Protein backbone atom coordinates (compact mmCIF):
# COMPACT_ATOMS: atom_id res chain seq x y z
CA MET A 1 6.77 31.77 -25.23
CA GLU A 2 3.18 30.75 -24.58
CA THR A 3 0.67 31.21 -27.37
CA GLN A 4 -2.65 32.94 -26.77
CA GLN A 5 -4.40 29.57 -27.01
CA GLN A 6 -2.15 28.20 -24.26
CA ILE A 7 -2.78 31.24 -22.09
CA ASP A 8 -6.53 30.92 -22.61
CA PHE A 9 -6.54 27.20 -21.79
CA ASN A 10 -4.48 27.78 -18.65
CA ARG A 11 -7.17 30.21 -17.51
CA ILE A 12 -9.92 27.76 -18.43
CA ALA A 13 -8.11 24.94 -16.61
CA SER A 14 -7.72 27.11 -13.52
CA ALA A 15 -11.42 27.98 -13.66
CA ILE A 16 -12.36 24.31 -14.02
CA ALA A 17 -10.19 23.42 -11.02
CA PHE A 18 -11.99 26.14 -9.07
CA LEU A 19 -15.41 24.87 -10.16
CA ARG A 20 -14.51 21.29 -9.26
CA GLN A 21 -13.21 22.29 -5.86
CA HIS A 22 -16.22 24.45 -5.00
CA PHE A 23 -18.93 22.53 -6.85
CA LYS A 24 -21.07 21.99 -3.74
CA ASP A 25 -21.20 25.76 -3.22
CA GLN A 26 -22.44 26.31 -6.79
CA PRO A 27 -20.15 29.31 -7.43
CA ASP A 28 -21.63 31.98 -9.64
CA LEU A 29 -20.13 33.60 -12.74
CA GLU A 30 -18.56 36.44 -10.76
CA ALA A 31 -16.74 34.05 -8.43
CA ALA A 32 -15.30 31.93 -11.25
CA ALA A 33 -14.31 35.00 -13.27
CA GLY A 34 -12.65 36.59 -10.26
CA HIS A 35 -10.61 33.44 -9.67
CA VAL A 36 -8.91 33.86 -13.06
CA HIS A 37 -8.76 37.66 -12.82
CA LEU A 38 -11.20 38.42 -15.63
CA SER A 39 -14.40 40.40 -15.77
CA PRO A 40 -17.57 38.27 -15.80
CA PHE A 41 -18.28 39.45 -19.36
CA HIS A 42 -14.87 38.46 -20.76
CA PHE A 43 -14.77 35.20 -18.81
CA GLN A 44 -18.23 34.18 -20.03
CA ARG A 45 -17.28 34.92 -23.63
CA MET A 46 -13.94 33.09 -23.40
CA PHE A 47 -15.53 30.05 -21.78
CA GLN A 48 -18.38 29.96 -24.27
CA GLU A 49 -15.93 30.10 -27.18
CA TRP A 50 -13.85 27.30 -25.70
CA ALA A 51 -16.55 24.88 -24.50
CA GLY A 52 -19.59 25.91 -26.51
CA VAL A 53 -21.61 26.18 -23.29
CA SER A 54 -21.74 28.57 -20.36
CA PRO A 55 -19.69 27.97 -17.19
CA LYS A 56 -22.94 27.15 -15.38
CA GLN A 57 -23.84 24.46 -17.92
CA PHE A 58 -20.29 23.12 -17.82
CA LEU A 59 -20.54 22.89 -14.04
CA GLN A 60 -23.38 20.43 -14.51
CA TYR A 61 -21.10 18.18 -16.58
CA LEU A 62 -18.62 18.08 -13.70
CA SER A 63 -21.18 16.84 -11.18
CA LEU A 64 -21.17 13.35 -9.74
CA ASP A 65 -24.82 12.97 -10.67
CA HIS A 66 -24.03 13.62 -14.32
CA ALA A 67 -21.09 11.20 -14.27
CA LYS A 68 -23.19 8.50 -12.63
CA SER A 69 -25.96 8.93 -15.20
CA ARG A 70 -23.41 8.53 -17.99
CA LEU A 71 -21.98 5.43 -16.30
CA LEU A 72 -25.44 3.97 -15.86
CA LYS A 73 -26.22 4.34 -19.54
CA GLY A 74 -22.89 2.80 -20.45
CA ALA A 75 -23.17 -0.04 -17.95
CA THR A 76 -26.62 -1.09 -19.15
CA LEU A 77 -25.61 -1.34 -22.80
CA SER A 78 -25.39 -4.78 -24.34
CA ASP A 79 -22.08 -5.79 -25.90
CA ALA A 80 -23.56 -5.12 -29.33
CA ALA A 81 -24.64 -1.62 -28.32
CA PHE A 82 -21.23 -0.98 -26.74
CA GLU A 83 -19.60 -1.79 -30.05
CA THR A 84 -22.10 0.28 -32.02
CA GLY A 85 -22.14 3.42 -29.90
CA LEU A 86 -24.41 6.35 -30.67
CA SER A 87 -25.07 8.25 -33.87
CA GLY A 88 -23.29 11.34 -35.11
CA THR A 89 -20.18 12.67 -33.39
CA SER A 90 -20.45 10.17 -30.55
CA ARG A 91 -19.25 7.46 -32.98
CA LEU A 92 -16.21 9.54 -33.76
CA HIS A 93 -13.38 7.28 -32.66
CA ASP A 94 -14.38 3.81 -33.84
CA LEU A 95 -15.29 5.16 -37.27
CA PHE A 96 -11.95 6.51 -38.33
CA ILE A 97 -9.14 5.71 -35.87
CA LYS A 98 -7.32 2.50 -36.69
CA ILE A 99 -4.58 0.86 -34.62
CA GLU A 100 -1.72 -1.18 -36.03
CA GLY A 101 0.58 -2.76 -33.49
CA MET A 102 4.31 -2.54 -34.04
CA THR A 103 6.10 -5.77 -34.74
CA PRO A 104 8.90 -6.80 -32.37
CA GLY A 105 11.35 -5.95 -35.13
CA GLU A 106 10.06 -2.39 -35.32
CA TYR A 107 10.80 -1.54 -31.71
CA ARG A 108 13.49 -3.94 -30.55
CA ASN A 109 16.92 -2.49 -29.86
CA GLY A 110 15.35 0.83 -28.94
CA GLY A 111 13.71 1.37 -32.31
CA ALA A 112 16.92 1.11 -34.33
CA GLY A 113 16.11 1.75 -37.98
CA LEU A 114 12.76 3.36 -37.17
CA ASP A 115 12.23 6.80 -38.74
CA ILE A 116 10.09 9.11 -36.59
CA ASN A 117 8.78 12.54 -37.53
CA TYR A 118 7.67 14.84 -34.73
CA SER A 119 6.16 18.28 -34.30
CA PHE A 120 4.54 20.53 -31.71
CA ALA A 121 1.03 21.94 -31.88
CA ASP A 122 -1.62 23.72 -29.83
CA SER A 123 -4.87 22.08 -28.79
CA PRO A 124 -7.91 23.23 -26.81
CA PHE A 125 -6.34 21.48 -23.80
CA GLY A 126 -2.77 22.76 -24.01
CA PRO A 127 0.37 22.23 -26.11
CA LEU A 128 1.03 18.85 -27.71
CA ILE A 129 3.90 16.85 -29.10
CA VAL A 130 2.85 14.44 -31.84
CA ALA A 131 5.10 11.90 -33.55
CA SER A 132 4.64 9.40 -36.36
CA THR A 133 6.29 6.66 -38.36
CA GLU A 134 5.52 5.92 -42.00
CA LYS A 135 2.61 3.75 -40.79
CA GLY A 136 0.89 6.18 -38.43
CA VAL A 137 1.00 8.25 -35.24
CA CYS A 138 3.10 6.51 -32.60
CA HIS A 139 3.02 9.11 -29.82
CA MET A 140 0.94 12.11 -28.76
CA ALA A 141 1.24 13.77 -25.37
CA PHE A 142 0.59 17.09 -23.70
CA ALA A 143 3.86 19.02 -23.68
CA ASP A 144 3.42 20.69 -20.30
CA THR A 145 7.12 20.39 -19.47
CA GLY A 146 8.25 22.25 -22.59
CA GLU A 147 9.38 21.14 -26.02
CA ASP A 148 12.86 19.92 -25.06
CA ALA A 149 11.65 17.82 -22.13
CA SER A 150 8.74 16.43 -24.15
CA LEU A 151 11.05 15.42 -26.98
CA SER A 152 13.38 13.74 -24.47
CA GLU A 153 10.45 11.72 -23.12
CA LEU A 154 9.63 10.57 -26.64
CA LYS A 155 13.24 9.59 -27.29
CA GLU A 156 13.29 7.50 -24.12
CA LYS A 157 10.70 5.24 -25.75
CA PHE A 158 12.69 4.79 -28.95
CA PRO A 159 16.28 5.81 -28.09
CA GLN A 160 17.83 4.38 -31.27
CA ALA A 161 15.28 5.74 -33.76
CA ASN A 162 16.03 8.41 -36.34
CA TYR A 163 14.23 11.69 -35.55
CA ARG A 164 13.21 14.57 -37.78
CA GLN A 165 11.13 17.62 -36.87
CA PHE A 166 8.59 17.52 -39.67
CA VAL A 167 4.80 17.68 -39.94
CA ASP A 168 3.59 14.77 -42.06
CA GLN A 169 0.10 13.74 -43.19
CA HIS A 170 -0.41 11.32 -40.29
CA GLN A 171 0.13 14.14 -37.81
CA GLN A 172 -2.11 16.55 -39.71
CA ASN A 173 -4.92 14.00 -39.82
CA ALA A 174 -4.61 13.43 -36.07
CA LEU A 175 -4.75 17.13 -35.26
CA PHE A 176 -7.96 17.58 -37.30
CA ILE A 177 -9.74 15.97 -34.36
CA PHE A 178 -9.57 19.27 -32.49
CA GLY A 179 -11.41 21.13 -35.24
CA GLN A 180 -15.01 22.24 -35.04
CA ASP A 181 -16.36 20.22 -37.99
CA TRP A 182 -16.02 16.44 -37.67
CA HIS A 183 -18.08 15.52 -40.69
CA GLN A 184 -15.08 15.48 -43.03
CA LEU A 185 -12.47 13.94 -40.75
CA PRO A 186 -9.83 11.79 -42.46
CA GLU A 187 -8.87 8.36 -41.21
CA ILE A 188 -6.29 8.50 -38.45
CA LYS A 189 -3.76 5.68 -38.37
CA LEU A 190 -1.94 4.77 -35.18
CA HIS A 191 1.27 2.72 -35.13
CA LEU A 192 1.70 1.68 -31.51
CA LYS A 193 4.17 -0.18 -29.38
CA GLY A 194 2.27 -2.36 -26.92
CA SER A 195 1.53 -5.88 -25.83
CA PRO A 196 -1.44 -7.69 -27.40
CA PHE A 197 -3.35 -7.13 -24.15
CA GLN A 198 -2.60 -3.39 -24.11
CA ILE A 199 -3.63 -2.98 -27.74
CA ARG A 200 -6.87 -4.87 -27.07
CA VAL A 201 -7.65 -2.45 -24.21
CA TRP A 202 -6.84 0.58 -26.40
CA GLU A 203 -9.01 -0.75 -29.23
CA THR A 204 -11.88 -1.29 -26.80
CA LEU A 205 -11.49 2.29 -25.55
CA LEU A 206 -12.08 3.51 -29.11
CA ASN A 207 -15.58 2.02 -28.87
CA VAL A 208 -16.61 4.10 -25.86
CA PRO A 209 -18.87 6.69 -27.50
CA MET A 210 -18.03 10.34 -27.15
CA GLY A 211 -19.93 11.83 -24.24
CA ARG A 212 -20.12 8.45 -22.49
CA LEU A 213 -18.00 7.23 -19.59
CA VAL A 214 -16.91 3.76 -18.54
CA THR A 215 -15.53 2.19 -15.36
CA TYR A 216 -12.40 0.07 -15.23
CA SER A 217 -14.44 -3.02 -14.41
CA SER A 218 -16.82 -2.45 -17.33
CA LEU A 219 -13.88 -1.84 -19.65
CA ALA A 220 -12.27 -5.07 -18.46
CA GLU A 221 -15.46 -6.99 -19.16
CA ASN A 222 -15.72 -5.56 -22.66
CA THR A 223 -12.13 -6.52 -23.44
CA GLY A 224 -13.03 -10.09 -22.57
CA HIS A 225 -11.07 -10.03 -19.29
CA LYS A 226 -13.75 -9.71 -16.63
CA GLY A 227 -12.22 -9.23 -13.20
CA ALA A 228 -8.95 -7.87 -14.56
CA SER A 229 -9.66 -4.26 -13.63
CA ARG A 230 -6.18 -3.65 -12.26
CA ALA A 231 -4.43 -4.95 -15.36
CA VAL A 232 -6.79 -2.93 -17.53
CA GLY A 233 -6.04 0.16 -15.45
CA THR A 234 -2.33 -0.35 -16.04
CA ALA A 235 -2.94 -0.62 -19.79
CA VAL A 236 -5.07 2.54 -19.72
CA ALA A 237 -2.29 4.40 -17.91
CA ALA A 238 0.20 3.25 -20.55
CA ASN A 239 -1.81 4.83 -23.39
CA PRO A 240 0.82 6.41 -25.70
CA VAL A 241 -1.62 8.61 -27.63
CA ALA A 242 -3.41 11.29 -25.61
CA PHE A 243 -7.02 12.10 -26.51
CA LEU A 244 -7.11 9.97 -29.69
CA ILE A 245 -7.33 6.86 -27.53
CA PRO A 246 -9.85 8.19 -25.01
CA CYS A 247 -8.45 6.98 -21.71
CA HIS A 248 -9.96 10.16 -20.24
CA ARG A 249 -13.40 8.48 -20.51
CA VAL A 250 -12.49 5.87 -17.88
CA ILE A 251 -13.55 6.96 -14.40
CA ARG A 252 -14.13 5.42 -11.00
CA SER A 253 -17.30 3.47 -10.28
CA SER A 254 -18.22 6.15 -7.72
CA GLY A 255 -18.52 8.68 -10.53
CA GLU A 256 -15.37 10.53 -9.48
CA THR A 257 -13.06 11.53 -12.31
CA GLY A 258 -9.97 9.91 -10.85
CA GLN A 259 -6.39 10.36 -11.92
CA TYR A 260 -5.06 11.08 -15.39
CA HIS A 261 -1.52 10.95 -16.74
CA TRP A 262 -1.78 14.57 -17.85
CA GLY A 263 -3.65 15.93 -14.82
CA SER A 264 -7.12 15.43 -13.34
CA ASP A 265 -8.18 19.01 -14.12
CA ARG A 266 -7.37 18.44 -17.78
CA LYS A 267 -9.31 15.17 -17.66
CA SER A 268 -12.34 17.04 -16.34
CA ALA A 269 -11.89 19.68 -19.02
CA ILE A 270 -11.89 17.05 -21.77
CA ILE A 271 -14.89 15.16 -20.34
CA GLY A 272 -16.88 18.38 -20.05
CA TRP A 273 -15.83 19.60 -23.51
CA GLU A 274 -16.95 16.32 -25.07
CA ALA A 275 -20.23 16.36 -23.15
CA ALA A 276 -20.90 19.85 -24.51
CA LYS A 277 -20.13 18.69 -28.05
CA VAL A 278 -22.70 15.89 -28.01
CA SER A 279 -25.40 17.72 -26.04
């Protein structure tokens, strides 16, 4: 059964899809509210509670002009500035998310001998499955297909691991990221299966400041692999930890949002939500 938070996000996601599709027409509050079968008053209040801004303001964050301005600011940063980011919440990820790569022994033979805890949780962007080893979070994904299917997808990655449905401290720390106050966030540890190249790309993604966007070519350059945009794109798509590793901040050089493993409308929702947080 869907929770109220899931129901609300589904309405928000539908509204965002409507706004994206009809952006050039600049739809008003009544049109967006009618699309999700709510009164303008209730829709405005729900959207404001979710995003912290009005639907009209959020619409601005979905525009190509806004995306291009964010790209321009990111593209003109020096390497030092790219690593430093901005002040406050925009430095969120590189300050407290740490990646440790799994050793070959930890994931060979399908993860035999690896103990994995997992649980399900709500987020502002839909239901999640989050899993962790004793060293950190190893998997987080949007559970759009339901709990059973999402768990099966996790087990395909580590078919020989030992699984237990249990909420541990690593998972709790990770889920704090969706809270309203980020001043007291704990360190989040990630324990990830990936090649050295993939982990380098994921670590570089952590340095893209919140509210900023980056192109695949710029990301490739900042990983030290200029010209390897396609390989970087493959590594971005293989991101095993939704939201924490911000692959949603990588967009096309044209300013278009582009594809996302968990849906382009959700990607737009996250980009807009983050833009509202740092504005």
